[in-house]
Amino acid sequence: MPKRVLQGVVVSDKQDKTIVVKVERRFTHPVMKKTVRRTKNYHAHDEANTAKVGDLVSIRESKPHSKLKTWEIVSGDEGGSEQGLVAGVVSSVKSAVGLGSE
């Protein structure tokens, strides 16, 4: 059976080798027919302590590492590679608004 992979934002990295990732899911309410956002926090194993608060990371199911940690960071998608993407988006938004590179 394939392991689930989720994508979310790191909200805490204060613990050693552990991060907390906030994952948001959107769905249409069955009665009201409006889009509803629900968030959930997952504790994930970060062996190298590379992810920082605000990073966009992918996590996948794994064997239990502790009472709460049953997820781990996907090896190719750690925080460093996402920083360049976020910086590029921020700079393009600034240039579109006319703020330039301050």
PDB file of N, CA and C in Angstrom:
ATOM      1  N   MET A   1       0.841  -1.180   0.000  1.00  0.00           N
ATOM      2  CA  MET A   1       0.000   0.000   0.000  1.00  0.00           C
ATOM      3  C   MET A   1       0.882   1.238   0.000  1.00  0.00           C
ATOM      4  N   PRO A   2       0.625   2.203  -0.878  1.00  0.00           N
ATOM      5  CA  PRO A   2       1.476   3.393  -0.922  1.00  0.00           C
ATOM      6  C   PRO A   2       1.283   4.267   0.314  1.00  0.00           C
ATOM      7  N   LYS A   3       2.349   4.972   0.658  1.00  0.00           N
ATOM      8  CA  LYS A   3       2.302   5.845   1.815  1.00  0.00           C
ATOM      9  C   LYS A   3       1.755   7.204   1.391  1.00  0.00           C
ATOM     10  N   ARG A   4       0.947   7.794   2.259  1.00  0.00           N
ATOM     11  CA  ARG A   4       0.382   9.107   1.965  1.00  0.00           C
ATOM     12  C   ARG A   4       1.474  10.167   2.028  1.00  0.00           C
ATOM     13  N   VAL A   5       1.364  11.157   1.155  1.00  0.00           N
ATOM     14  CA  VAL A   5       2.276  12.298   1.165  1.00  0.00           C
ATOM     15  C   VAL A   5       1.421  13.552   1.283  1.00  0.00           C
ATOM     16  N   LEU A   6       1.748  14.399   2.263  1.00  0.00           N
ATOM     17  CA  LEU A   6       1.031  15.645   2.487  1.00  0.00           C
ATOM     18  C   LEU A   6       2.002  16.808   2.372  1.00  0.00           C
ATOM     19  N   GLN A   7       1.471  17.977   2.069  1.00  0.00           N
ATOM     20  CA  GLN A   7       2.304  19.170   1.954  1.00  0.00           C
ATOM     21  C   GLN A   7       1.759  20.226   2.897  1.00  0.00           C
ATOM     22  N   GLY A   8       2.671  20.889   3.612  1.00  0.00           N
ATOM     23  CA  GLY A   8       2.237  21.897   4.562  1.00  0.00           C
ATOM     24  C   GLY A   8       3.361  22.835   4.938  1.00  0.00           C
ATOM     25  N   VAL A   9       3.081  23.697   5.897  1.00  0.00           N
ATOM     26  CA  VAL A   9       4.020  24.727   6.332  1.00  0.00           C
ATOM     27  C   VAL A   9       4.511  24.382   7.734  1.00  0.00           C
ATOM     28  N   VAL A  10       5.809  24.532   7.951  1.00  0.00           N
ATOM     29  CA  VAL A  10       6.393  24.272   9.268  1.00  0.00           C
ATOM     30  C   VAL A  10       5.981  25.397  10.215  1.00  0.00           C
ATOM     31  N   VAL A  11       5.368  25.031  11.346  1.00  0.00           N
ATOM     32  CA  VAL A  11       4.948  26.041  12.320  1.00  0.00           C
ATOM     33  C   VAL A  11       5.805  26.006  13.578  1.00  0.00           C
ATOM     34  N   SER A  12       6.579  24.915  13.784  1.00  0.00           N
ATOM     35  CA  SER A  12       7.452  24.843  14.946  1.00  0.00           C
ATOM     36  C   SER A  12       8.625  23.930  14.638  1.00  0.00           C
ATOM     37  N   ASP A  13       9.834  24.371  15.065  1.00  0.00           N
ATOM     38  CA  ASP A  13      11.025  23.528  14.928  1.00  0.00           C
ATOM     39  C   ASP A  13      11.835  23.555  16.229  1.00  0.00           C
ATOM     40  N   LYS A  14      11.169  23.784  17.346  1.00  0.00           N
ATOM     41  CA  LYS A  14      11.863  23.947  18.621  1.00  0.00           C
ATOM     42  C   LYS A  14      12.364  22.629  19.200  1.00  0.00           C
ATOM     43  N   GLN A  15      11.744  21.522  18.821  1.00  0.00           N
ATOM     44  CA  GLN A  15      12.168  20.230  19.345  1.00  0.00           C
ATOM     45  C   GLN A  15      13.330  19.684  18.515  1.00  0.00           C
ATOM     46  N   ASP A  16      14.129  18.825  19.133  1.00  0.00           N
ATOM     47  CA  ASP A  16      15.258  18.232  18.430  1.00  0.00           C
ATOM     48  C   ASP A  16      14.764  17.114  17.524  1.00  0.00           C
ATOM     49  N   LYS A  17      15.100  17.205  16.233  1.00  0.00           N
ATOM     50  CA  LYS A  17      14.751  16.215  15.210  1.00  0.00           C
ATOM     51  C   LYS A  17      13.251  16.072  15.007  1.00  0.00           C
ATOM     52  N   THR A  18      12.488  17.073  15.392  1.00  0.00           N
ATOM     53  CA  THR A  18      11.038  17.044  15.226  1.00  0.00           C
ATOM     54  C   THR A  18      10.557  18.399  14.742  1.00  0.00           C
ATOM     55  N   ILE A  19       9.644  18.385  13.789  1.00  0.00           N
ATOM     56  CA  ILE A  19       8.989  19.618  13.358  1.00  0.00           C
ATOM     57  C   ILE A  19       7.482  19.410  13.435  1.00  0.00           C
ATOM     58  N   VAL A  20       6.755  20.503  13.527  1.00  0.00           N
ATOM     59  CA  VAL A  20       5.308  20.459  13.488  1.00  0.00           C
ATOM     60  C   VAL A  20       4.879  21.123  12.185  1.00  0.00           C
ATOM     61  N   VAL A  21       4.102  20.390  11.397  1.00  0.00           N
ATOM     62  CA  VAL A  21       3.694  20.853  10.074  1.00  0.00           C
ATOM     63  C   VAL A  21       2.191  21.055  10.070  1.00  0.00           C
ATOM     64  N   LYS A  22       1.754  22.249   9.637  1.00  0.00           N
ATOM     65  CA  LYS A  22       0.322  22.546   9.527  1.00  0.00           C
ATOM     66  C   LYS A  22      -0.114  22.242   8.093  1.00  0.00           C
ATOM     67  N   VAL A  23      -1.057  21.304   7.960  1.00  0.00           N
ATOM     68  CA  VAL A  23      -1.565  20.895   6.653  1.00  0.00           C
ATOM     69  C   VAL A  23      -3.005  21.377   6.533  1.00  0.00           C
ATOM     70  N   GLU A  24      -3.298  22.064   5.441  1.00  0.00           N
ATOM     71  CA  GLU A  24      -4.639  22.593   5.210  1.00  0.00           C
ATOM     72  C   GLU A  24      -5.315  21.781   4.117  1.00  0.00           C
ATOM     73  N   ARG A  25      -6.563  21.413   4.354  1.00  0.00           N
ATOM     74  CA  ARG A  25      -7.329  20.734   3.313  1.00  0.00           C
ATOM     75  C   ARG A  25      -8.593  21.534   3.053  1.00  0.00           C
ATOM     76  N   ARG A  26      -9.018  21.531   1.799  1.00  0.00           N
ATOM     77  CA  ARG A  26     -10.224  22.262   1.407  1.00  0.00           C
ATOM     78  C   ARG A  26     -11.223  21.273   0.831  1.00  0.00           C
ATOM     79  N   PHE A  27     -12.471  21.475   1.159  1.00  0.00           N
ATOM     80  CA  PHE A  27     -13.514  20.622   0.616  1.00  0.00           C
ATOM     81  C   PHE A  27     -14.810  21.414   0.556  1.00  0.00           C
ATOM     82  N   THR A  28     -15.741  20.932  -0.225  1.00  0.00           N
ATOM     83  CA  THR A  28     -17.038  21.574  -0.338  1.00  0.00           C
ATOM     84  C   THR A  28     -17.968  20.995   0.713  1.00  0.00           C
ATOM     85  N   HIS A  29     -18.613  21.877   1.468  1.00  0.00           N
ATOM     86  CA  HIS A  29     -19.532  21.436   2.502  1.00  0.00           C
ATOM     87  C   HIS A  29     -20.713  20.723   1.844  1.00  0.00           C
ATOM     88  N   PRO A  30     -21.102  19.557   2.362  1.00  0.00           N
ATOM     89  CA  PRO A  30     -22.137  18.781   1.680  1.00  0.00           C
ATOM     90  C   PRO A  30     -23.517  19.450   1.638  1.00  0.00           C
ATOM     91  N   VAL A  31     -23.843  20.267   2.622  1.00  0.00           N
ATOM     92  CA  VAL A  31     -25.158  20.907   2.649  1.00  0.00           C
ATOM     93  C   VAL A  31     -25.086  22.344   2.157  1.00  0.00           C
ATOM     94  N   MET A  32     -24.125  23.120   2.669  1.00  0.00           N
ATOM     95  CA  MET A  32     -24.052  24.545   2.350  1.00  0.00           C
ATOM     96  C   MET A  32     -23.408  24.827   0.989  1.00  0.00           C
ATOM     97  N   LYS A  33     -22.688  23.861   0.443  1.00  0.00           N
ATOM     98  CA  LYS A  33     -22.020  23.995  -0.861  1.00  0.00           C
ATOM     99  C   LYS A  33     -21.000  25.124  -0.893  1.00  0.00           C
ATOM    100  N   LYS A  34     -20.430  25.429   0.247  1.00  0.00           N
ATOM    101  CA  LYS A  34     -19.364  26.427   0.311  1.00  0.00           C
ATOM    102  C   LYS A  34     -18.042  25.710   0.542  1.00  0.00           C
ATOM    103  N   THR A  35     -16.950  26.332   0.120  1.00  0.00           N
ATOM    104  CA  THR A  35     -15.634  25.759   0.346  1.00  0.00           C
ATOM    105  C   THR A  35     -15.231  25.991   1.791  1.00  0.00           C
ATOM    106  N   VAL A  36     -14.830  24.921   2.468  1.00  0.00           N
ATOM    107  CA  VAL A  36     -14.457  24.968   3.869  1.00  0.00           C
ATOM    108  C   VAL A  36     -12.988  24.604   3.997  1.00  0.00           C
ATOM    109  N   ARG A  37     -12.263  25.340   4.843  1.00  0.00           N
ATOM    110  CA  ARG A  37     -10.842  25.041   5.094  1.00  0.00           C
ATOM    111  C   ARG A  37     -10.703  24.418   6.469  1.00  0.00           C
ATOM    112  N   ARG A  38      -9.997  23.301   6.532  1.00  0.00           N
ATOM    113  CA  ARG A  38      -9.694  22.659   7.805  1.00  0.00           C
ATOM    114  C   ARG A  38      -8.184  22.467   7.881  1.00  0.00           C
ATOM    115  N   THR A  39      -7.609  22.715   9.059  1.00  0.00           N
ATOM    116  CA  THR A  39      -6.171  22.530   9.230  1.00  0.00           C
ATOM    117  C   THR A  39      -5.923  21.509  10.321  1.00  0.00           C
ATOM    118  N   LYS A  40      -4.782  20.842  10.199  1.00  0.00           N
ATOM    119  CA  LYS A  40      -4.384  19.859  11.193  1.00  0.00           C
ATOM    120  C   LYS A  40      -2.871  19.903  11.310  1.00  0.00           C
ATOM    121  N   ASN A  41      -2.366  19.734  12.531  1.00  0.00           N
ATOM    122  CA  ASN A  41      -0.928  19.722  12.767  1.00  0.00           C
ATOM    123  C   ASN A  41      -0.419  18.294  12.838  1.00  0.00           C
ATOM    124  N   TYR A  42       0.709  18.052  12.165  1.00  0.00           N
ATOM    125  CA  TYR A  42       1.355  16.748  12.186  1.00  0.00           C
ATOM    126  C   TYR A  42       2.768  16.910  12.722  1.00  0.00           C
ATOM    127  N   HIS A  43       3.189  16.011  13.591  1.00  0.00           N
ATOM    128  CA  HIS A  43       4.565  15.975  14.079  1.00  0.00           C
ATOM    129  C   HIS A  43       5.347  15.078  13.126  1.00  0.00           C
ATOM    130  N   ALA A  44       6.450  15.606  12.586  1.00  0.00           N
ATOM    131  CA  ALA A  44       7.237  14.863  11.606  1.00  0.00           C
ATOM    132  C   ALA A  44       8.685  14.772  12.048  1.00  0.00           C
ATOM    133  N   HIS A  45       9.328  13.680  11.660  1.00  0.00           N
ATOM    134  CA  HIS A  45      10.728  13.430  12.003  1.00  0.00           C
ATOM    135  C   HIS A  45      11.623  14.175  11.012  1.00  0.00           C
ATOM    136  N   ASP A  46      12.567  14.962  11.537  1.00  0.00           N
ATOM    137  CA  ASP A  46      13.522  15.728  10.729  1.00  0.00           C
ATOM    138  C   ASP A  46      14.917  15.392  11.237  1.00  0.00           C
ATOM    139  N   GLU A  47      15.516  14.355  10.679  1.00  0.00           N
ATOM    140  CA  GLU A  47      16.789  13.823  11.189  1.00  0.00           C
ATOM    141  C   GLU A  47      17.893  14.874  11.227  1.00  0.00           C
ATOM    142  N   ALA A  48      17.989  15.715  10.195  1.00  0.00           N
ATOM    143  CA  ALA A  48      19.099  16.664  10.094  1.00  0.00           C
ATOM    144  C   ALA A  48      18.762  18.049  10.644  1.00  0.00           C
ATOM    145  N   ASN A  49      17.575  18.249  11.164  1.00  0.00           N
ATOM    146  CA  ASN A  49      17.136  19.560  11.659  1.00  0.00           C
ATOM    147  C   ASN A  49      17.293  20.644  10.603  1.00  0.00           C
ATOM    148  N   THR A  50      16.863  20.366   9.368  1.00  0.00           N
ATOM    149  CA  THR A  50      17.047  21.321   8.275  1.00  0.00           C
ATOM    150  C   THR A  50      15.856  22.253   8.087  1.00  0.00           C
ATOM    151  N   ALA A  51      14.664  21.807   8.406  1.00  0.00           N
ATOM    152  CA  ALA A  51      13.470  22.619   8.170  1.00  0.00           C
ATOM    153  C   ALA A  51      13.358  23.721   9.215  1.00  0.00           C
ATOM    154  N   LYS A  52      12.966  24.896   8.765  1.00  0.00           N
ATOM    155  CA  LYS A  52      12.781  26.049   9.641  1.00  0.00           C
ATOM    156  C   LYS A  52      11.334  26.521   9.570  1.00  0.00           C
ATOM    157  N   VAL A  53      10.927  27.324  10.533  1.00  0.00           N
ATOM    158  CA  VAL A  53       9.564  27.840  10.582  1.00  0.00           C
ATOM    159  C   VAL A  53       9.278  28.634   9.312  1.00  0.00           C
ATOM    160  N   GLY A  54       8.134  28.352   8.691  1.00  0.00           N
ATOM    161  CA  GLY A  54       7.736  29.043   7.474  1.00  0.00           C
ATOM    162  C   GLY A  54       8.072  28.288   6.200  1.00  0.00           C
ATOM    163  N   ASP A  55       8.882  27.246   6.276  1.00  0.00           N
ATOM    164  CA  ASP A  55       9.244  26.462   5.091  1.00  0.00           C
ATOM    165  C   ASP A  55       8.048  25.630   4.628  1.00  0.00           C
ATOM    166  N   LEU A  56       7.947  25.451   3.321  1.00  0.00           N
ATOM    167  CA  LEU A  56       6.955  24.574   2.727  1.00  0.00           C
ATOM    168  C   LEU A  56       7.605  23.205   2.555  1.00  0.00           C
ATOM    169  N   VAL A  57       7.055  22.172   3.193  1.00  0.00           N
ATOM    170  CA  VAL A  57       7.669  20.847   3.164  1.00  0.00           C
ATOM    171  C   VAL A  57       6.632  19.792   2.807  1.00  0.00           C
ATOM    172  N   SER A  58       7.115  18.667   2.298  1.00  0.00           N
ATOM    173  CA  SER A  58       6.282  17.494   2.068  1.00  0.00           C
ATOM    174  C   SER A  58       6.638  16.453   3.113  1.00  0.00           C
ATOM    175  N   ILE A  59       5.620  15.808   3.661  1.00  0.00           N
ATOM    176  CA  ILE A  59       5.845  14.769   4.653  1.00  0.00           C
ATOM    177  C   ILE A  59       5.142  13.501   4.192  1.00  0.00           C
ATOM    178  N   ARG A  60       5.672  12.342   4.597  1.00  0.00           N
ATOM    179  CA  ARG A  60       5.028  11.078   4.241  1.00  0.00           C
ATOM    180  C   ARG A  60       4.910  10.202   5.483  1.00  0.00           C
ATOM    181  N   GLU A  61       3.982   9.280   5.422  1.00  0.00           N
ATOM    182  CA  GLU A  61       3.777   8.342   6.530  1.00  0.00           C
ATOM    183  C   GLU A  61       5.026   7.498   6.740  1.00  0.00           C
ATOM    184  N   SER A  62       5.267   7.138   7.987  1.00  0.00           N
ATOM    185  CA  SER A  62       6.399   6.269   8.289  1.00  0.00           C
ATOM    186  C   SER A  62       6.052   5.436   9.510  1.00  0.00           C
ATOM    187  N   LYS A  63       6.986   4.611   9.897  1.00  0.00           N
ATOM    188  CA  LYS A  63       6.792   3.847  11.123  1.00  0.00           C
ATOM    189  C   LYS A  63       6.782   4.823  12.297  1.00  0.00           C
ATOM    190  N   PRO A  64       6.161   4.481  13.396  1.00  0.00           N
ATOM    191  CA  PRO A  64       6.151   5.393  14.536  1.00  0.00           C
ATOM    192  C   PRO A  64       7.560   5.627  15.090  1.00  0.00           C
ATOM    193  N   HIS A  65       7.939   6.905  15.182  1.00  0.00           N
ATOM    194  CA  HIS A  65       9.215   7.269  15.799  1.00  0.00           C
ATOM    195  C   HIS A  65       9.028   7.540  17.285  1.00  0.00           C
ATOM    196  N   SER A  66       7.841   7.955  17.660  1.00  0.00           N
ATOM    197  CA  SER A  66       7.503   8.210  19.063  1.00  0.00           C
ATOM    198  C   SER A  66       5.982   8.182  19.184  1.00  0.00           C
ATOM    199  N   LYS A  67       5.480   8.629  20.316  1.00  0.00           N
ATOM    200  CA  LYS A  67       4.035   8.601  20.555  1.00  0.00           C
ATOM    201  C   LYS A  67       3.267   9.419  19.504  1.00  0.00           C
ATOM    202  N   LEU A  68       3.783  10.589  19.146  1.00  0.00           N
ATOM    203  CA  LEU A  68       3.093  11.471  18.208  1.00  0.00           C
ATOM    204  C   LEU A  68       3.679  11.467  16.801  1.00  0.00           C
ATOM    205  N   LYS A  69       4.944  11.095  16.654  1.00  0.00           N
ATOM    206  CA  LYS A  69       5.623  11.203  15.362  1.00  0.00           C
ATOM    207  C   LYS A  69       5.441   9.947  14.526  1.00  0.00           C
ATOM    208  N   THR A  70       4.573  10.026  13.515  1.00  0.00           N
ATOM    209  CA  THR A  70       4.412   8.925  12.571  1.00  0.00           C
ATOM    210  C   THR A  70       4.585   9.419  11.139  1.00  0.00           C
ATOM    211  N   TRP A  71       5.204  10.567  10.980  1.00  0.00           N
ATOM    212  CA  TRP A  71       5.476  11.155   9.667  1.00  0.00           C
ATOM    213  C   TRP A  71       6.949  11.523   9.602  1.00  0.00           C
ATOM    214  N   GLU A  72       7.477  11.639   8.370  1.00  0.00           N
ATOM    215  CA  GLU A  72       8.855  12.062   8.177  1.00  0.00           C
ATOM    216  C   GLU A  72       8.933  12.970   6.962  1.00  0.00           C
ATOM    217  N   ILE A  73       9.963  13.811   6.942  1.00  0.00           N
ATOM    218  CA  ILE A  73      10.160  14.712   5.804  1.00  0.00           C
ATOM    219  C   ILE A  73      10.589  13.904   4.595  1.00  0.00           C
ATOM    220  N   VAL A  74      10.029  14.222   3.426  1.00  0.00           N
ATOM    221  CA  VAL A  74      10.467  13.591   2.185  1.00  0.00           C
ATOM    222  C   VAL A  74      11.859  14.115   1.881  1.00  0.00           C
ATOM    223  N   SER A  75      12.793  13.230   1.576  1.00  0.00           N
ATOM    224  CA  SER A  75      14.213  13.587   1.503  1.00  0.00           C
ATOM    225  C   SER A  75      14.520  14.679   0.492  1.00  0.00           C
ATOM    226  N   GLY A  76      13.877  14.699  -0.663  1.00  0.00           N
ATOM    227  CA  GLY A  76      14.236  15.675  -1.698  1.00  0.00           C
ATOM    228  C   GLY A  76      13.589  17.024  -1.532  1.00  0.00           C
ATOM    229  N   ASP A  77      12.741  17.222  -0.542  1.00  0.00           N
ATOM    230  CA  ASP A  77      11.940  18.452  -0.464  1.00  0.00           C
ATOM    231  C   ASP A  77      12.137  19.158   0.860  1.00  0.00           C
ATOM    232  N   GLU A  78      13.372  19.254   1.314  1.00  0.00           N
ATOM    233  CA  GLU A  78      13.624  19.911   2.590  1.00  0.00           C
ATOM    234  C   GLU A  78      13.695  21.413   2.401  1.00  0.00           C
ATOM    235  N   GLY A  79      13.676  22.147   3.488  1.00  0.00           N
ATOM    236  CA  GLY A  79      13.502  23.590   3.492  1.00  0.00           C
ATOM    237  C   GLY A  79      14.368  24.393   2.556  1.00  0.00           C
ATOM    238  N   GLY A  80      15.613  24.026   2.329  1.00  0.00           N
ATOM    239  CA  GLY A  80      16.515  24.838   1.540  1.00  0.00           C
ATOM    240  C   GLY A  80      16.071  25.048   0.113  1.00  0.00           C
ATOM    241  N   SER A  81      15.514  24.023  -0.526  1.00  0.00           N
ATOM    242  CA  SER A  81      15.108  24.156  -1.917  1.00  0.00           C
ATOM    243  C   SER A  81      13.889  25.053  -2.065  1.00  0.00           C
ATOM    244  N   GLU A  82      13.054  25.124  -1.049  1.00  0.00           N
ATOM    245  CA  GLU A  82      11.853  25.943  -1.121  1.00  0.00           C
ATOM    246  C   GLU A  82      12.149  27.424  -0.909  1.00  0.00           C
ATOM    247  N   GLN A  83      13.230  27.752  -0.228  1.00  0.00           N
ATOM    248  CA  GLN A  83      13.538  29.150   0.049  1.00  0.00           C
ATOM    249  C   GLN A  83      13.715  29.938  -1.242  1.00  0.00           C
ATOM    250  N   GLY A  84      14.380  29.354  -2.222  1.00  0.00           N
ATOM    251  CA  GLY A  84      14.576  30.036  -3.491  1.00  0.00           C
ATOM    252  C   GLY A  84      13.260  30.294  -4.197  1.00  0.00           C
ATOM    253  N   LEU A  85      12.350  29.328  -4.145  1.00  0.00           N
ATOM    254  CA  LEU A  85      11.051  29.482  -4.772  1.00  0.00           C
ATOM    255  C   LEU A  85      10.260  30.605  -4.107  1.00  0.00           C
ATOM    256  N   VAL A  86      10.250  30.616  -2.783  1.00  0.00           N
ATOM    257  CA  VAL A  86       9.511  31.651  -2.054  1.00  0.00           C
ATOM    258  C   VAL A  86      10.115  33.027  -2.320  1.00  0.00           C
ATOM    259  N   ALA A  87      11.441  33.131  -2.337  1.00  0.00           N
ATOM    260  CA  ALA A  87      12.091  34.408  -2.606  1.00  0.00           C
ATOM    261  C   ALA A  87      11.762  34.891  -4.008  1.00  0.00           C
ATOM    262  N   GLY A  88      11.705  33.977  -4.969  1.00  0.00           N
ATOM    263  CA  GLY A  88      11.356  34.353  -6.339  1.00  0.00           C
ATOM    264  C   GLY A  88       9.940  34.881  -6.445  1.00  0.00           C
ATOM    265  N   VAL A  89       9.016  34.239  -5.742  1.00  0.00           N
ATOM    266  CA  VAL A  89       7.620  34.687  -5.755  1.00  0.00           C
ATOM    267  C   VAL A  89       7.505  36.059  -5.107  1.00  0.00           C
ATOM    268  N   VAL A  90       8.185  36.256  -3.972  1.00  0.00           N
ATOM    269  CA  VAL A  90       8.129  37.544  -3.276  1.00  0.00           C
ATOM    270  C   VAL A  90       8.704  38.651  -4.152  1.00  0.00           C
ATOM    271  N   SER A  91       9.830  38.391  -4.814  1.00  0.00           N
ATOM    272  CA  SER A  91      10.420  39.422  -5.660  1.00  0.00           C
ATOM    273  C   SER A  91       9.549  39.752  -6.860  1.00  0.00           C
ATOM    274  N   SER A  92       8.883  38.738  -7.424  1.00  0.00           N
ATOM    275  CA  SER A  92       8.007  39.011  -8.567  1.00  0.00           C
ATOM    276  C   SER A  92       6.779  39.809  -8.136  1.00  0.00           C
ATOM    277  N   VAL A  93       6.264  39.548  -6.939  1.00  0.00           N
ATOM    278  CA  VAL A  93       5.131  40.318  -6.433  1.00  0.00           C
ATOM    279  C   VAL A  93       5.547  41.761  -6.163  1.00  0.00           C
ATOM    280  N   LYS A  94       6.741  41.940  -5.566  1.00  0.00           N
ATOM    281  CA  LYS A  94       7.231  43.295  -5.288  1.00  0.00           C
ATOM    282  C   LYS A  94       7.405  44.080  -6.587  1.00  0.00           C
ATOM    283  N   SER A  95       7.952  43.430  -7.613  1.00  0.00           N
ATOM    284  CA  SER A  95       8.153  44.147  -8.867  1.00  0.00           C
ATOM    285  C   SER A  95       6.827  44.480  -9.530  1.00  0.00           C
ATOM    286  N   ALA A  96       5.822  43.602  -9.389  1.00  0.00           N
ATOM    287  CA  ALA A  96       4.514  43.865  -9.982  1.00  0.00           C
ATOM    288  C   ALA A  96       3.828  45.022  -9.271  1.00  0.00           C
ATOM    289  N   VAL A  97       4.045  45.135  -7.968  1.00  0.00           N
ATOM    290  CA  VAL A  97       3.413  46.210  -7.197  1.00  0.00           C
ATOM    291  C   VAL A  97       4.165  47.528  -7.405  1.00  0.00           C
ATOM    292  N   GLY A  98       5.441  47.433  -7.740  1.00  0.00           N
ATOM    293  CA  GLY A  98       6.237  48.635  -7.963  1.00  0.00           C
ATOM    294  C   GLY A  98       7.148  48.989  -6.810  1.00  0.00           C
ATOM    295  N   LEU A  99       7.366  48.050  -5.909  1.00  0.00           N
ATOM    296  CA  LEU A  99       8.234  48.325  -4.774  1.00  0.00           C
ATOM    297  C   LEU A  99       9.714  48.184  -5.143  1.00  0.00           C
ATOM    298  N   GLY A 100      10.010  47.459  -6.213  1.00  0.00           N
ATOM    299  CA  GLY A 100      11.401  47.273  -6.606  1.00  0.00           C
ATOM    300  C   GLY A 100      12.125  46.378  -5.638  1.00  0.00           C
ATOM    301  N   SER A 101      13.457  46.391  -5.693  1.00  0.00           N
ATOM    302  CA  SER A 101      14.238  45.551  -4.775  1.00  0.00           C
ATOM    303  C   SER A 101      14.814  46.431  -3.679  1.00  0.00           C
ATOM    304  N   GLU A 102      14.115  46.467  -2.566  1.00  0.00           N
ATOM    305  CA  GLU A 102      14.542  47.286  -1.433  1.00  0.00           C
ATOM    306  C   GLU A 102      15.257  46.465  -0.423  1.00  0.00           C
TER     307      GLU A 102
END
